[in-house]
Amino acid sequence: MTIVANHEKVSSPIKMRIFAVHNAVAAAVLAWVVEVHLFGVHLGIRFGTGTPTTLSLGQIIGVSLMASLLGWALLSFMERRVARAATLWTVAAIGVVLLSLALPLTATTSTAAMVGLIVMHLLVGAGSIPLMYRSTLATPVRRAQD
């Protein structure tokens, strides 16, 4: 049996960015399902001396969706205002992903939760950053005139 995938060309910048957001959310959901249901990891976080909170699938979807949409908004803003927006945005996006690792490193309730959330953060970045960058290659420069 042969399975043939549909390799429709995604060429418009908006389609590519929608796909990047989709990839970010899908990566987070896949990571959550594997970590929680397959490996049995309890994704718990605690801020300071507060009560521990277990991260639900809804929270994972919401945060990954908002992070990727904010990345898209920043990229769109930078394309209109900054020369070399794609390069600067990519550096900023990678920096945000690295900074986001502070949460799992400091607020998790177990080592397994820390590793699981680090993997999740990296997957969300890897699922969206390359496509967002690639979408800028098909976008004409639309900077405002000074």
C-alpha atoms as a PDB file:
ATOM      1  CA  MET A   1       0.000   0.000   0.000  1.00  0.00           C
ATOM      2  CA  THR A   2       1.339   3.413  -0.990  1.00  0.00           C
ATOM      3  CA  ILE A   3       0.329   6.606   0.769  1.00  0.00           C
ATOM      4  CA  VAL A   4       0.694   9.774  -1.238  1.00  0.00           C
ATOM      5  CA  ALA A   5       0.671  13.080   0.637  1.00  0.00           C
ATOM      6  CA  ASN A   6      -0.862  16.192  -0.849  1.00  0.00           C
ATOM      7  CA  HIS A   7       2.062  18.515  -1.508  1.00  0.00           C
ATOM      8  CA  GLU A   8       0.108  21.618  -2.397  1.00  0.00           C
ATOM      9  CA  LYS A   9       2.417  24.581  -2.748  1.00  0.00           C
ATOM     10  CA  VAL A  10       1.873  27.128  -0.001  1.00  0.00           C
ATOM     11  CA  SER A  11       3.205  30.301  -1.537  1.00  0.00           C
ATOM     12  CA  SER A  12       1.284  33.266  -0.210  1.00  0.00           C
ATOM     13  CA  PRO A  13       2.813  34.874   2.893  1.00  0.00           C
ATOM     14  CA  ILE A  14      -0.515  34.806   4.717  1.00  0.00           C
ATOM     15  CA  LYS A  15      -1.031  31.109   4.005  1.00  0.00           C
ATOM     16  CA  MET A  16       2.501  30.375   5.178  1.00  0.00           C
ATOM     17  CA  ARG A  17       1.954  32.319   8.386  1.00  0.00           C
ATOM     18  CA  ILE A  18      -1.352  30.581   9.061  1.00  0.00           C
ATOM     19  CA  PHE A  19       0.460  27.294   8.542  1.00  0.00           C
ATOM     20  CA  ALA A  20       3.210  28.436  10.927  1.00  0.00           C
ATOM     21  CA  VAL A  21       0.624  29.206  13.629  1.00  0.00           C
ATOM     22  CA  HIS A  22      -1.003  25.840  12.960  1.00  0.00           C
ATOM     23  CA  ASN A  23       2.384  24.122  13.280  1.00  0.00           C
ATOM     24  CA  ALA A  24       3.098  25.819  16.591  1.00  0.00           C
ATOM     25  CA  VAL A  25      -0.231  24.758  18.087  1.00  0.00           C
ATOM     26  CA  ALA A  26      -0.018  21.256  16.603  1.00  0.00           C
ATOM     27  CA  ALA A  27       3.499  20.801  17.976  1.00  0.00           C
ATOM     28  CA  ALA A  28       2.378  21.873  21.452  1.00  0.00           C
ATOM     29  CA  VAL A  29      -0.667  19.576  21.367  1.00  0.00           C
ATOM     30  CA  LEU A  30       1.386  16.640  20.128  1.00  0.00           C
ATOM     31  CA  ALA A  31       4.001  17.215  22.814  1.00  0.00           C
ATOM     32  CA  TRP A  32       1.322  17.477  25.519  1.00  0.00           C
ATOM     33  CA  VAL A  33      -0.421  14.281  24.387  1.00  0.00           C
ATOM     34  CA  VAL A  34       2.839  12.317  24.234  1.00  0.00           C
ATOM     35  CA  GLU A  35       4.184  13.671  27.517  1.00  0.00           C
ATOM     36  CA  VAL A  36       0.970  13.406  29.541  1.00  0.00           C
ATOM     37  CA  HIS A  37      -0.781  10.381  28.097  1.00  0.00           C
ATOM     38  CA  LEU A  38       2.076   8.289  26.729  1.00  0.00           C
ATOM     39  CA  PHE A  39       4.823   9.018  29.253  1.00  0.00           C
ATOM     40  CA  GLY A  40       2.584   9.865  32.203  1.00  0.00           C
ATOM     41  CA  VAL A  41       4.312  13.160  32.988  1.00  0.00           C
ATOM     42  CA  HIS A  42       2.454  15.485  35.353  1.00  0.00           C
ATOM     43  CA  LEU A  43       3.048  18.927  33.816  1.00  0.00           C
ATOM     44  CA  GLY A  44       2.900  20.901  37.022  1.00  0.00           C
ATOM     45  CA  ILE A  45       4.174  24.407  37.663  1.00  0.00           C
ATOM     46  CA  ARG A  46       4.384  26.464  40.822  1.00  0.00           C
ATOM     47  CA  PHE A  47       5.326  30.108  41.168  1.00  0.00           C
ATOM     48  CA  GLY A  48       7.200  30.784  44.373  1.00  0.00           C
ATOM     49  CA  THR A  49       5.360  29.351  47.344  1.00  0.00           C
ATOM     50  CA  GLY A  50       1.991  29.291  45.553  1.00  0.00           C
ATOM     51  CA  THR A  51      -0.066  26.210  44.984  1.00  0.00           C
ATOM     52  CA  PRO A  52       0.971  23.917  42.124  1.00  0.00           C
ATOM     53  CA  THR A  53      -1.032  24.118  38.910  1.00  0.00           C
ATOM     54  CA  THR A  54      -1.355  21.360  36.342  1.00  0.00           C
ATOM     55  CA  LEU A  55      -1.212  22.555  32.758  1.00  0.00           C
ATOM     56  CA  SER A  56      -4.264  21.451  30.794  1.00  0.00           C
ATOM     57  CA  LEU A  57      -4.535  20.952  27.063  1.00  0.00           C
ATOM     58  CA  GLY A  58      -6.623  24.125  26.775  1.00  0.00           C
ATOM     59  CA  GLN A  59      -3.897  26.178  28.413  1.00  0.00           C
ATOM     60  CA  ILE A  60      -1.283  24.652  26.113  1.00  0.00           C
ATOM     61  CA  ILE A  61      -3.372  25.453  23.032  1.00  0.00           C
ATOM     62  CA  GLY A  62      -4.102  28.988  24.227  1.00  0.00           C
ATOM     63  CA  VAL A  63      -0.525  29.896  25.072  1.00  0.00           C
ATOM     64  CA  SER A  64       0.983  28.415  21.903  1.00  0.00           C
ATOM     65  CA  LEU A  65      -1.696  30.116  19.784  1.00  0.00           C
ATOM     66  CA  MET A  66      -1.190  33.506  21.448  1.00  0.00           C
ATOM     67  CA  ALA A  67       2.614  33.270  21.273  1.00  0.00           C
ATOM     68  CA  SER A  68       2.595  32.450  17.569  1.00  0.00           C
ATOM     69  CA  LEU A  69       0.011  35.134  16.765  1.00  0.00           C
ATOM     70  CA  LEU A  70       2.053  37.723  18.685  1.00  0.00           C
ATOM     71  CA  GLY A  71       5.100  36.616  16.704  1.00  0.00           C
ATOM     72  CA  TRP A  72       3.145  37.118  13.483  1.00  0.00           C
ATOM     73  CA  ALA A  73       2.008  40.570  14.617  1.00  0.00           C
ATOM     74  CA  LEU A  74       5.565  41.591  15.488  1.00  0.00           C
ATOM     75  CA  LEU A  75       6.843  40.328  12.143  1.00  0.00           C
ATOM     76  CA  SER A  76       4.148  42.267  10.264  1.00  0.00           C
ATOM     77  CA  PHE A  77       4.940  45.409  12.250  1.00  0.00           C
ATOM     78  CA  MET A  78       8.676  45.038  11.658  1.00  0.00           C
ATOM     79  CA  GLU A  79       8.208  44.488   7.917  1.00  0.00           C
ATOM     80  CA  ARG A  80       6.593  47.896   7.680  1.00  0.00           C
ATOM     81  CA  ARG A  81       9.040  49.762   9.895  1.00  0.00           C
ATOM     82  CA  VAL A  82      12.473  48.125   9.887  1.00  0.00           C
ATOM     83  CA  ALA A  83      15.071  47.313   7.260  1.00  0.00           C
ATOM     84  CA  ARG A  84      16.097  43.633   7.317  1.00  0.00           C
ATOM     85  CA  ALA A  85      12.969  42.820   9.300  1.00  0.00           C
ATOM     86  CA  ALA A  86      13.148  39.084   8.606  1.00  0.00           C
ATOM     87  CA  THR A  87      16.629  38.718  10.077  1.00  0.00           C
ATOM     88  CA  LEU A  88      15.923  40.912  13.083  1.00  0.00           C
ATOM     89  CA  TRP A  89      12.596  39.178  13.737  1.00  0.00           C
ATOM     90  CA  THR A  90      14.242  35.750  13.565  1.00  0.00           C
ATOM     91  CA  VAL A  91      16.878  36.772  16.096  1.00  0.00           C
ATOM     92  CA  ALA A  92      14.166  38.217  18.356  1.00  0.00           C
ATOM     93  CA  ALA A  93      11.989  35.098  17.989  1.00  0.00           C
ATOM     94  CA  ILE A  94      14.855  32.776  18.879  1.00  0.00           C
ATOM     95  CA  GLY A  95      15.651  35.035  21.834  1.00  0.00           C
ATOM     96  CA  VAL A  96      12.038  34.844  23.021  1.00  0.00           C
ATOM     97  CA  VAL A  97      12.091  31.048  22.798  1.00  0.00           C
ATOM     98  CA  LEU A  98      15.317  30.943  24.810  1.00  0.00           C
ATOM     99  CA  LEU A  99      13.904  33.367  27.389  1.00  0.00           C
ATOM    100  CA  SER A 100      10.730  31.301  27.604  1.00  0.00           C
ATOM    101  CA  LEU A 101      12.830  28.412  28.871  1.00  0.00           C
ATOM    102  CA  ALA A 102      13.165  30.304  32.165  1.00  0.00           C
ATOM    103  CA  LEU A 103       9.643  29.185  33.121  1.00  0.00           C
ATOM    104  CA  PRO A 104      10.318  25.442  32.903  1.00  0.00           C
ATOM    105  CA  LEU A 105      13.722  25.893  34.515  1.00  0.00           C
ATOM    106  CA  THR A 106      12.345  27.749  37.531  1.00  0.00           C
ATOM    107  CA  ALA A 107       8.678  26.969  38.034  1.00  0.00           C
ATOM    108  CA  THR A 108       8.160  23.258  37.357  1.00  0.00           C
ATOM    109  CA  THR A 109       7.262  20.810  40.099  1.00  0.00           C
ATOM    110  CA  SER A 110       9.391  17.913  38.827  1.00  0.00           C
ATOM    111  CA  THR A 111      12.340  17.160  36.579  1.00  0.00           C
ATOM    112  CA  ALA A 112      10.051  15.323  34.150  1.00  0.00           C
ATOM    113  CA  ALA A 113       7.785  18.377  33.917  1.00  0.00           C
ATOM    114  CA  MET A 114      10.821  20.592  33.352  1.00  0.00           C
ATOM    115  CA  VAL A 115      12.116  18.428  30.508  1.00  0.00           C
ATOM    116  CA  GLY A 116       8.624  18.099  29.022  1.00  0.00           C
ATOM    117  CA  LEU A 117       8.011  21.849  29.007  1.00  0.00           C
ATOM    118  CA  ILE A 118      11.460  22.598  27.600  1.00  0.00           C
ATOM    119  CA  VAL A 119      10.779  20.164  24.756  1.00  0.00           C
ATOM    120  CA  MET A 120       7.367  21.755  24.215  1.00  0.00           C
ATOM    121  CA  HIS A 121       8.801  25.289  24.070  1.00  0.00           C
ATOM    122  CA  LEU A 122      11.479  24.226  21.588  1.00  0.00           C
ATOM    123  CA  LEU A 123       8.945  22.390  19.399  1.00  0.00           C
ATOM    124  CA  VAL A 124       6.638  25.405  19.258  1.00  0.00           C
ATOM    125  CA  GLY A 125       9.554  27.597  18.176  1.00  0.00           C
ATOM    126  CA  ALA A 126      10.786  25.044  15.658  1.00  0.00           C
ATOM    127  CA  GLY A 127       7.277  24.670  14.263  1.00  0.00           C
ATOM    128  CA  SER A 128       6.717  28.348  13.634  1.00  0.00           C
ATOM    129  CA  ILE A 129       9.947  30.350  13.318  1.00  0.00           C
ATOM    130  CA  PRO A 130      11.274  28.812  10.063  1.00  0.00           C
ATOM    131  CA  LEU A 131       7.934  29.206   8.269  1.00  0.00           C
ATOM    132  CA  MET A 132       7.434  32.761   9.488  1.00  0.00           C
ATOM    133  CA  TYR A 133      10.931  33.615   8.234  1.00  0.00           C
ATOM    134  CA  ARG A 134      10.310  31.865   4.928  1.00  0.00           C
ATOM    135  CA  SER A 135       7.067  33.803   4.479  1.00  0.00           C
ATOM    136  CA  THR A 136       9.053  37.046   4.380  1.00  0.00           C
ATOM    137  CA  LEU A 137      10.925  35.902   1.277  1.00  0.00           C
ATOM    138  CA  ALA A 138       7.682  36.077  -0.721  1.00  0.00           C
ATOM    139  CA  THR A 139       6.585  39.383   0.808  1.00  0.00           C
ATOM    140  CA  PRO A 140       7.408  42.657  -0.954  1.00  0.00           C
ATOM    141  CA  VAL A 141       8.964  45.339   1.204  1.00  0.00           C
ATOM    142  CA  ARG A 142       6.209  47.641   2.549  1.00  0.00           C
ATOM    143  CA  ARG A 143       8.075  50.044   4.769  1.00  0.00           C
ATOM    144  CA  ALA A 144       6.557  53.398   5.545  1.00  0.00           C
ATOM    145  CA  GLN A 145       8.146  56.410   3.880  1.00  0.00           C
ATOM    146  CA  ASP A 146       9.986  58.748   6.243  1.00  0.00           C
END
